[in-house]
Structures are given as structure tokens and as C-alpha cells.
Amino acid sequence: MPLALGQVAVVGGGINGLCIAWQLSKRGWAVELFERGRCLTQTSSASTKLLHGGLRYLEQGHLALVAESLRERARWLRDVPEHAHWLHLLLPIYSHQHRAAWQWRAGLGLYDGLALGQLPGFARWLRPDQLLQIYPELPTRGLKGGWQFWDGQMDEQALGRWVLQQAQQAGVLIHEGQEVMRLRPDGTLRIHAGAEEQPHNQLRFDWVVNACGPWACQLLAQSGIDSDVRLDLVRGSHLLVPPPLGQVLPSHGLFFEVPSSKRIAFLLPYQGQLLVGTTEEMHNLQDPIEPSQRERELLLGLVRLHLPSWESQARTCGSWFSGLRPIVHSSADVSKASRGAAFRRNQRVITVFGGKWTTARALAERLSSMSPFNGLN
């Protein structure tokens, strides 16, 4: 076997860390990945389960990010069809909503255009009666019609495990239950073992990639490494509801403006249940990652508004989960911030800030094509 180009430690077993480890191993590096718990059990397990370009990012001008996300959406759907599929979404248009009908029409036209012909079909306009045939409980006051369009949906855990298997088959050594407490700019890691950190738990690598997601800045801070990048941590909370007795799960997802807001929310069919989400609340890393009472009432209110026959079931049998999104700070209004990623290098430590599930493979390829991994130190 050819000699490895060098030894790399990847810290963080979320989807970005796994994709980075996989890609670097494919390029000839000896890679070890360290995860303090189990891989794919934090941020990467708590999304809205969509592989999407981010339709709402278009109005913020993030065209390059949307185009990349749409390319990556098509790639996941092509490469791993057993864990990812197309999903029809409905976008109802009301006379009293914040965005005008022409804005959605223009946005969907651009969204489909940026997909470069990879869609199973283009967005189409539906009359109110056509919408109500698909979603009979939709509010009718002010309903002007709506759009039917396509996006991608994934079995998040199965797709993540597929990536983990690809990384292992490429030669990545996965260390779960191994918490990296500190990094040194020379490539040394200090690993937590039991109740204490022992000197023999220091490991030296040629390069270290800090891919800890929401915890990336915290690891740098406790390592005494300065950074000019700030992360906004945004909690997204979700509700899963099994169908009430006698009710049929909607075949289409629903994409809509939250009443009295410009925020976007979803009601989606997911593995035989209704998935309701997502909220956007700023989060302190020291607080529990769980939905607040305000978020619970918001999500229950969305069920009450769009599927009133499901509300009682949602209140009594619904299950809740929350995840953190690390967003590179670029705007005072977090809903206007980009979901793009940033890289920073401190000697032999490279930190990944931000990123999203859909573009994890593209992020990994971009990182592995840069110095020092492209042979240019």
C-alpha cells in the first residue's frame, strides 16, 4: 500500500466531520476522527430532514449557496436513493401574507432554474380548490391558490450512517466516546479519559481539523486559540406527531409563512408521522438543547391552523426534539444570515465554521482541495 501523505485528526462526528474525514482519507491521508459521544447524535440528527437549496435564502441574495445546495441535493438523491427521495411541497398563497405572490413566483422560477434541469418536474400553480383537494384542512380565508414544487427529503440517520460506512471503508479510524479537551497549534490533542486528563492521552498529528459544529468556537477558546469568526447558535425545534385514529398522513409537505411573521415553517410527512418545524431561537451553549414553552406553543399553533383535526393528538402524543445550527455571524437578523461555511487556519489547526447538511460533501471537497491538503503548505 502507498504511504499516507500524513496524519490528520478530525474532531467532531457530525455530518461535516464525517464527510471531511472520508474525503481526506480518499485523498491519501491517514485520518482519525474523534467524537465525544456517538457520531451523528447531536446537530446532524436534529434537522428538518430536508435536502434542499434554501428557497428563502434567495431573497437575501445568497445565490451561490442556493445553487451549490441544489447541486448537492441532486447528488444525494442520485447517489443514495435508498435513503433520499423527492418530495412534493405545497406553498399556499394568501392575500394577507408578507411576501407578495409575484415574489414567490419569481423565487420558485429561479429556484427551479438553478437546479439545472435535475428536477422530476417544475413548480406549477394550483387553484384554491386544487390545493384543498390535497390539503382539505388548509385555512381558506384569503387563499388565492398556491404553488406545488419539489424538494428532497432524507432518512437522516440512515444517510448519515451511509456516510460513516464510506469513511470507514476509506480507512478512517473512528473513536467514539473520546472527547478532545484541548488543541495545540502544533497539532497536539489532549483527550479526556475518565475523570482526569493524563499526559499519555496527548496525541500528535500533522494536521487537525476542528469540525465541532456549534462547539467549534468553544474548543478554540478552551485551547487558548484566538479566532476572528463568531458563530450565532440558533436552536431549531421540531414536533413529531403520529396520525390520529382514522386520519391519513398528508402526501405532500406544506411550506408556508408563519402567521404575522416572515419566518418559514414546514409540515412534512416523515416516516409515517407528521413533522412540524422549525423554529429559530438564539441559544446559549450552556443551556439545555430542548424546545422552550414558547416554541412548543408555536408549533402546536401551526398544527391547529393547518391540520386542526391533528391538534389533540399533537398535544397528547407528540414527541419533541431540538438541534443547534452554527451560523457564521453576518447579520444582526439571524434569519437573514448565510448558511455558508468559513475556514480558518492556526498553524496546524484548521477550523470549520458553519455549514449545512445538504452541502456537507461539497464543504469537505472544498477543504481537502485547499492548502495544506493539496500539497501546498
Protein backbone atom coordinates (compact mmCIF):
# COMPACT_ATOMS: atom_id res chain seq x y z
CA MET A 1 0.00 0.00 0.00
CA PRO A 2 1.25 3.57 -0.71
CA LEU A 3 2.46 5.61 2.23
CA ALA A 4 -0.04 8.11 3.65
CA LEU A 5 0.55 11.79 2.92
CA GLY A 6 0.47 12.43 6.67
CA GLN A 7 -1.71 12.03 9.75
CA VAL A 8 -4.87 14.08 10.24
CA ALA A 9 -7.19 14.23 13.22
CA VAL A 10 -10.78 15.33 12.61
CA VAL A 11 -12.58 16.47 15.77
CA GLY A 12 -16.35 16.10 15.59
CA GLY A 13 -18.51 13.22 14.38
CA GLY A 14 -21.35 15.16 12.78
CA ILE A 15 -22.07 15.03 9.06
CA ASN A 16 -19.43 17.67 8.23
CA GLY A 17 -16.72 15.93 10.25
CA LEU A 18 -17.52 12.54 8.70
CA CYS A 19 -17.53 13.91 5.16
CA ILE A 20 -14.23 15.71 5.78
CA ALA A 21 -12.62 12.56 7.20
CA TRP A 22 -13.93 10.48 4.28
CA GLN A 23 -12.67 12.92 1.66
CA LEU A 24 -9.21 13.34 3.22
CA SER A 25 -8.80 9.57 3.51
CA LYS A 26 -9.74 9.18 -0.16
CA ARG A 27 -7.00 11.68 -1.00
CA GLY A 28 -4.35 9.61 0.72
CA TRP A 29 -4.19 10.96 4.27
CA ALA A 30 -4.25 8.73 7.37
CA VAL A 31 -7.30 10.04 9.20
CA GLU A 32 -8.61 9.51 12.72
CA LEU A 33 -11.90 11.01 13.84
CA PHE A 34 -12.67 11.81 17.48
CA GLU A 35 -16.23 12.20 18.77
CA ARG A 36 -17.02 12.80 22.43
CA GLY A 37 -20.28 10.79 22.25
CA ARG A 38 -21.75 8.83 19.37
CA CYS A 39 -21.41 10.03 15.80
CA LEU A 40 -24.44 11.76 14.29
CA THR A 41 -26.31 12.21 17.57
CA GLN A 42 -26.13 15.99 18.01
CA THR A 43 -26.84 18.65 15.37
CA SER A 44 -26.76 16.17 12.49
CA SER A 45 -29.64 14.18 13.98
CA ALA A 46 -31.98 17.11 14.63
CA SER A 47 -32.75 18.73 11.30
CA THR A 48 -35.99 19.11 9.33
CA LYS A 49 -34.91 16.04 7.28
CA LEU A 50 -34.86 18.03 4.04
CA LEU A 51 -32.17 18.05 1.36
CA HIS A 52 -32.87 21.47 -0.06
CA GLY A 53 -31.37 24.56 -1.59
CA GLY A 54 -32.95 27.02 0.82
CA LEU A 55 -35.65 28.80 -1.17
CA ARG A 56 -35.84 31.61 1.38
CA TYR A 57 -32.08 32.33 1.02
CA LEU A 58 -32.75 33.71 -2.46
CA GLU A 59 -34.32 36.90 -1.13
CA GLN A 60 -31.14 37.50 0.89
CA GLY A 61 -29.07 37.28 -2.30
CA HIS A 62 -27.27 34.01 -1.41
CA LEU A 63 -27.49 32.68 -4.98
CA ALA A 64 -24.16 30.84 -4.95
CA LEU A 65 -25.09 28.96 -1.76
CA VAL A 66 -28.51 28.03 -3.14
CA ALA A 67 -27.01 26.84 -6.44
CA GLU A 68 -24.44 24.71 -4.62
CA SER A 69 -27.11 23.30 -2.31
CA LEU A 70 -29.32 22.36 -5.25
CA ARG A 71 -26.43 20.58 -6.98
CA GLU A 72 -25.68 18.70 -3.78
CA ARG A 73 -29.37 17.86 -3.28
CA ALA A 74 -29.40 16.19 -6.70
CA ARG A 75 -26.16 14.38 -5.88
CA TRP A 76 -27.51 12.82 -2.67
CA LEU A 77 -30.71 11.81 -4.42
CA ARG A 78 -28.75 10.24 -7.29
CA ASP A 79 -26.06 8.50 -5.22
CA VAL A 80 -28.08 7.23 -2.25
CA PRO A 81 -31.68 6.77 -3.47
CA GLU A 82 -32.36 4.18 -0.77
CA HIS A 83 -32.09 6.92 1.87
CA ALA A 84 -33.21 10.05 -0.04
CA HIS A 85 -36.18 10.83 -2.25
CA TRP A 86 -38.07 13.66 -3.92
CA LEU A 87 -40.96 15.21 -2.00
CA HIS A 88 -43.81 17.36 -3.30
CA LEU A 89 -44.28 20.58 -1.31
CA LEU A 90 -47.24 22.95 -1.36
CA LEU A 91 -46.79 26.69 -0.90
CA PRO A 92 -50.20 28.30 -0.26
CA ILE A 93 -50.51 31.98 -1.17
CA TYR A 94 -52.73 34.23 0.96
CA SER A 95 -53.79 37.82 0.42
CA HIS A 96 -52.65 38.82 3.92
CA GLN A 97 -49.12 37.36 3.93
CA HIS A 98 -45.93 39.42 3.98
CA ARG A 99 -44.41 38.36 0.66
CA ALA A 100 -46.38 39.16 -2.48
CA ALA A 101 -47.45 36.39 -4.85
CA TRP A 102 -45.10 37.68 -7.56
CA GLN A 103 -42.11 37.33 -5.19
CA TRP A 104 -42.85 33.64 -4.67
CA ARG A 105 -43.41 33.15 -8.40
CA ALA A 106 -40.05 34.77 -9.20
CA GLY A 107 -38.30 32.89 -6.39
CA LEU A 108 -39.61 29.49 -7.46
CA GLY A 109 -38.71 30.20 -11.09
CA LEU A 110 -35.14 30.99 -10.05
CA TYR A 111 -35.05 28.04 -7.63
CA ASP A 112 -36.03 25.59 -10.37
CA GLY A 113 -33.73 27.30 -12.86
CA LEU A 114 -30.71 26.95 -10.57
CA ALA A 115 -31.44 23.21 -10.30
CA LEU A 116 -30.13 22.92 -13.90
CA GLY A 117 -32.75 20.50 -15.18
CA GLN A 118 -32.26 17.94 -12.41
CA LEU A 119 -35.86 18.12 -11.18
CA PRO A 120 -38.56 15.50 -11.77
CA GLY A 121 -40.87 18.40 -12.64
CA PHE A 122 -41.20 22.18 -12.43
CA ALA A 123 -43.24 24.24 -10.00
CA ARG A 124 -46.86 24.68 -11.04
CA TRP A 125 -49.73 26.89 -9.91
CA LEU A 126 -52.77 25.33 -8.25
CA ARG A 127 -56.18 26.92 -7.78
CA PRO A 128 -57.66 27.04 -4.24
CA ASP A 129 -59.93 24.08 -4.97
CA GLN A 130 -56.97 22.03 -6.21
CA LEU A 131 -55.00 22.85 -3.08
CA LEU A 132 -57.91 21.86 -0.86
CA GLN A 133 -58.24 18.53 -2.63
CA ILE A 134 -54.70 17.73 -1.50
CA TYR A 135 -54.85 19.50 1.90
CA PRO A 136 -58.55 19.77 2.87
CA GLU A 137 -57.92 21.44 6.23
CA LEU A 138 -55.95 24.39 4.86
CA PRO A 139 -57.25 27.78 6.07
CA THR A 140 -59.39 29.24 3.30
CA ARG A 141 -59.66 32.91 4.36
CA GLY A 142 -57.69 34.92 1.82
CA LEU A 143 -56.44 31.79 0.00
CA LYS A 144 -55.55 32.82 -3.58
CA GLY A 145 -54.08 29.50 -4.69
CA GLY A 146 -50.60 28.12 -4.30
CA TRP A 147 -47.55 26.50 -5.78
CA GLN A 148 -46.64 22.86 -5.96
CA PHE A 149 -42.89 22.26 -6.21
CA TRP A 150 -40.22 19.66 -5.48
CA ASP A 151 -37.52 19.34 -2.86
CA GLY A 152 -35.54 16.48 -1.37
CA GLN A 153 -36.16 14.54 1.82
CA MET A 154 -33.81 12.12 3.59
CA ASP A 155 -33.80 9.42 6.20
CA GLU A 156 -31.31 11.44 8.19
CA GLN A 157 -29.91 8.68 10.38
CA ALA A 158 -29.65 6.12 7.57
CA LEU A 159 -27.97 8.59 5.22
CA GLY A 160 -25.56 9.65 7.97
CA ARG A 161 -24.69 6.01 8.69
CA TRP A 162 -24.06 5.51 4.97
CA VAL A 163 -21.50 8.34 5.08
CA LEU A 164 -19.92 6.86 8.22
CA GLN A 165 -19.58 3.49 6.45
CA GLN A 166 -17.98 5.15 3.42
CA ALA A 167 -15.48 6.86 5.71
CA GLN A 168 -14.60 3.61 7.47
CA GLN A 169 -14.23 1.75 4.19
CA ALA A 170 -11.88 4.51 3.02
CA GLY A 171 -9.70 3.81 6.07
CA VAL A 172 -10.85 6.39 8.62
CA LEU A 173 -10.43 5.27 12.24
CA ILE A 174 -13.48 6.34 14.27
CA HIS A 175 -13.00 6.99 18.01
CA GLU A 176 -16.37 7.45 19.75
CA GLY A 177 -16.54 8.41 23.43
CA GLN A 178 -13.24 10.29 23.05
CA GLU A 179 -13.59 13.96 23.95
CA VAL A 180 -10.91 16.33 22.73
CA MET A 181 -10.45 18.81 25.56
CA ARG A 182 -7.73 20.99 24.05
CA LEU A 183 -5.90 21.59 20.81
CA ARG A 184 -2.42 22.99 20.38
CA PRO A 185 -1.45 24.87 17.23
CA ASP A 186 1.34 22.32 16.67
CA GLY A 187 -1.26 19.58 16.06
CA THR A 188 -1.38 18.06 19.56
CA LEU A 189 -4.69 16.89 21.01
CA ARG A 190 -5.45 16.32 24.65
CA ILE A 191 -8.04 13.57 25.06
CA HIS A 192 -10.34 13.25 28.06
CA ALA A 193 -10.05 9.86 29.81
CA GLY A 194 -12.38 9.17 32.71
CA ALA A 195 -12.32 11.83 35.39
CA GLU A 196 -8.89 13.23 34.55
CA GLU A 197 -6.68 14.19 31.65
CA GLN A 198 -3.41 12.27 31.71
CA PRO A 199 -0.21 13.24 29.89
CA HIS A 200 -0.22 9.96 27.95
CA ASN A 201 -3.56 10.98 26.45
CA GLN A 202 -1.84 13.60 24.32
CA LEU A 203 -1.69 12.68 20.64
CA ARG A 204 0.28 14.46 17.93
CA PHE A 205 -0.90 14.81 14.32
CA ASP A 206 0.43 16.58 11.27
CA TRP A 207 -2.87 18.44 10.93
CA VAL A 208 -6.04 18.82 12.97
CA VAL A 209 -9.47 19.75 11.60
CA ASN A 210 -11.84 21.24 14.18
CA ALA A 211 -15.27 20.28 12.83
CA CYS A 212 -17.22 20.52 16.08
CA GLY A 213 -20.14 22.46 14.62
CA PRO A 214 -21.78 24.55 17.38
CA TRP A 215 -18.87 23.72 19.71
CA ALA A 216 -16.08 24.80 17.32
CA CYS A 217 -15.56 28.21 18.93
CA GLN A 218 -15.77 26.73 22.43
CA LEU A 219 -12.98 24.24 21.66
CA LEU A 220 -10.79 27.04 20.32
CA ALA A 221 -11.48 29.20 23.39
CA GLN A 222 -10.66 26.47 25.91
CA SER A 223 -7.49 25.77 23.87
CA GLY A 224 -6.41 29.42 24.05
CA ILE A 225 -6.60 29.84 20.26
CA ASP A 226 -7.97 33.15 19.03
CA SER A 227 -10.39 33.44 16.12
CA ASP A 228 -11.90 36.32 14.20
CA VAL A 229 -15.02 34.29 13.38
CA ARG A 230 -18.11 34.44 15.54
CA LEU A 231 -20.87 31.83 15.48
CA ASP A 232 -24.54 32.53 16.10
CA LEU A 233 -26.11 29.42 17.60
CA VAL A 234 -29.71 29.03 16.51
CA ARG A 235 -31.98 26.41 18.05
CA GLY A 236 -34.41 24.72 15.70
CA SER A 237 -37.16 22.78 17.45
CA HIS A 238 -39.49 20.22 15.90
CA LEU A 239 -42.58 18.20 16.72
CA LEU A 240 -43.31 14.65 15.50
CA VAL A 241 -46.96 13.53 15.56
CA PRO A 242 -48.26 10.01 14.80
CA PRO A 243 -51.52 10.03 12.79
CA PRO A 244 -54.69 10.20 14.89
CA LEU A 245 -57.05 7.26 14.60
CA GLY A 246 -58.90 7.45 11.30
CA GLN A 247 -56.67 10.21 9.86
CA VAL A 248 -54.42 9.81 6.82
CA LEU A 249 -50.99 11.41 6.73
CA PRO A 250 -50.86 14.12 4.02
CA SER A 251 -48.97 13.03 0.90
CA HIS A 252 -47.46 16.49 0.34
CA GLY A 253 -45.36 18.64 2.59
CA LEU A 254 -46.53 22.14 3.43
CA PHE A 255 -44.17 25.15 3.18
CA PHE A 256 -45.63 28.41 4.47
CA GLU A 257 -45.11 31.73 6.18
CA VAL A 258 -45.70 31.71 9.91
CA PRO A 259 -48.70 33.99 10.60
CA SER A 260 -47.74 37.59 11.49
CA SER A 261 -44.14 36.85 10.53
CA LYS A 262 -41.82 36.43 7.54
CA ARG A 263 -40.46 33.20 9.01
CA ILE A 264 -40.93 29.94 7.13
CA ALA A 265 -42.19 26.69 8.64
CA PHE A 266 -42.99 23.19 7.40
CA LEU A 267 -45.49 20.40 7.95
CA LEU A 268 -43.97 17.29 6.38
CA PRO A 269 -44.79 13.61 6.09
CA TYR A 270 -41.83 11.75 7.57
CA GLN A 271 -41.60 8.00 8.18
CA GLY A 272 -45.32 7.65 8.82
CA GLN A 273 -45.58 10.70 11.08
CA LEU A 274 -46.17 14.43 10.72
CA LEU A 275 -43.00 16.51 11.21
CA VAL A 276 -43.65 20.12 12.24
CA GLY A 277 -40.82 22.66 12.29
CA THR A 278 -38.73 24.58 12.52
CA THR A 279 -38.25 27.41 14.99
CA GLU A 280 -35.35 29.87 15.06
CA GLU A 281 -34.32 30.85 18.58
CA MET A 282 -30.92 32.15 19.65
CA HIS A 283 -29.26 29.69 22.01
CA ASN A 284 -26.63 29.82 24.74
CA LEU A 285 -24.32 26.80 24.56
CA GLN A 286 -24.57 26.27 28.31
CA ASP A 287 -28.37 25.83 28.19
CA PRO A 288 -30.14 22.51 27.53
CA ILE A 289 -30.86 21.85 23.86
CA GLU A 290 -34.61 21.42 24.12
CA PRO A 291 -37.70 23.32 22.96
CA SER A 292 -38.93 26.19 25.09
CA GLN A 293 -42.59 26.54 26.05
CA ARG A 294 -42.86 29.34 23.53
CA GLU A 295 -41.58 27.07 20.76
CA ARG A 296 -43.95 24.28 21.77
CA GLU A 297 -46.94 26.59 21.62
CA LEU A 298 -45.80 27.98 18.26
CA LEU A 299 -45.52 24.52 16.68
CA LEU A 300 -48.80 23.34 18.22
CA GLY A 301 -50.41 26.50 16.86
CA LEU A 302 -49.21 25.64 13.36
CA VAL A 303 -50.86 22.23 13.66
CA ARG A 304 -54.05 23.85 14.94
CA LEU A 305 -54.07 26.26 11.98
CA HIS A 306 -53.29 23.84 9.14
CA LEU A 307 -54.43 20.43 10.42
CA PRO A 308 -56.90 21.14 13.25
CA SER A 309 -58.02 17.51 13.45
CA TRP A 310 -54.45 16.62 14.49
CA GLU A 311 -54.11 19.13 17.35
CA SER A 312 -55.31 16.89 20.18
CA GLN A 313 -53.01 14.10 19.01
CA ALA A 314 -50.10 16.55 18.79
CA ARG A 315 -50.64 17.71 22.36
CA THR A 316 -51.03 14.24 23.87
CA CYS A 317 -48.82 12.00 21.70
CA GLY A 318 -46.35 14.34 20.01
CA SER A 319 -42.61 14.00 20.61
CA TRP A 320 -40.15 16.89 20.57
CA PHE A 321 -36.55 17.38 19.51
CA SER A 322 -34.21 20.33 19.06
CA GLY A 323 -30.89 20.90 17.36
CA LEU A 324 -28.39 23.73 17.05
CA ARG A 325 -27.41 25.36 13.79
CA PRO A 326 -23.99 27.05 13.83
CA ILE A 327 -24.30 30.13 11.62
CA VAL A 328 -21.34 32.33 10.78
CA HIS A 329 -22.31 35.75 12.08
CA SER A 330 -23.03 38.09 9.18
CA SER A 331 -26.25 39.89 10.10
CA ALA A 332 -27.99 41.29 13.15
CA ASP A 333 -31.09 39.42 11.95
CA VAL A 334 -30.19 35.74 12.08
CA SER A 335 -32.94 34.86 9.60
CA LYS A 336 -31.01 36.90 7.01
CA ALA A 337 -27.64 35.30 7.70
CA SER A 338 -25.99 32.92 5.25
CA ARG A 339 -25.68 29.20 5.94
CA GLY A 340 -22.33 29.16 4.16
CA ALA A 341 -19.12 27.95 5.83
CA ALA A 342 -15.82 29.62 6.68
CA PHE A 343 -12.37 28.09 7.28
CA ARG A 344 -9.59 29.44 9.46
CA ARG A 345 -6.06 28.11 9.94
CA ASN A 346 -3.98 28.49 13.11
CA GLN A 347 -0.64 26.85 12.28
CA ARG A 348 -1.57 23.14 12.10
CA VAL A 349 -5.19 23.54 13.20
CA ILE A 350 -7.92 24.21 10.61
CA THR A 351 -11.36 25.12 11.95
CA VAL A 352 -14.62 24.77 10.05
CA PHE A 353 -17.30 27.31 10.98
CA GLY A 354 -20.91 26.86 9.88
CA GLY A 355 -22.15 24.65 7.06
CA LYS A 356 -25.35 22.67 6.50
CA TRP A 357 -26.36 19.04 5.99
CA THR A 358 -27.11 19.28 2.27
CA THR A 359 -23.70 20.74 1.36
CA ALA A 360 -21.54 18.60 3.68
CA ARG A 361 -19.82 16.72 0.87
CA ALA A 362 -19.10 19.89 -1.11
CA LEU A 363 -17.68 21.52 2.04
CA ALA A 364 -15.38 18.52 2.58
CA GLU A 365 -14.17 18.59 -1.02
CA ARG A 366 -13.51 22.32 -0.85
CA LEU A 367 -11.50 21.93 2.35
CA SER A 368 -9.47 18.97 1.04
CA SER A 369 -8.56 20.86 -2.13
CA MET A 370 -7.03 23.75 -0.15
CA SER A 371 -3.63 24.11 1.47
CA PRO A 372 -2.26 22.15 3.30
CA PHE A 373 -4.16 19.14 1.95
CA ASN A 374 -3.44 19.88 -1.70
CA GLY A 375 0.32 19.62 -1.13
CA LEU A 376 0.87 23.37 -0.82
CA ASN A 377 1.88 24.25 2.74
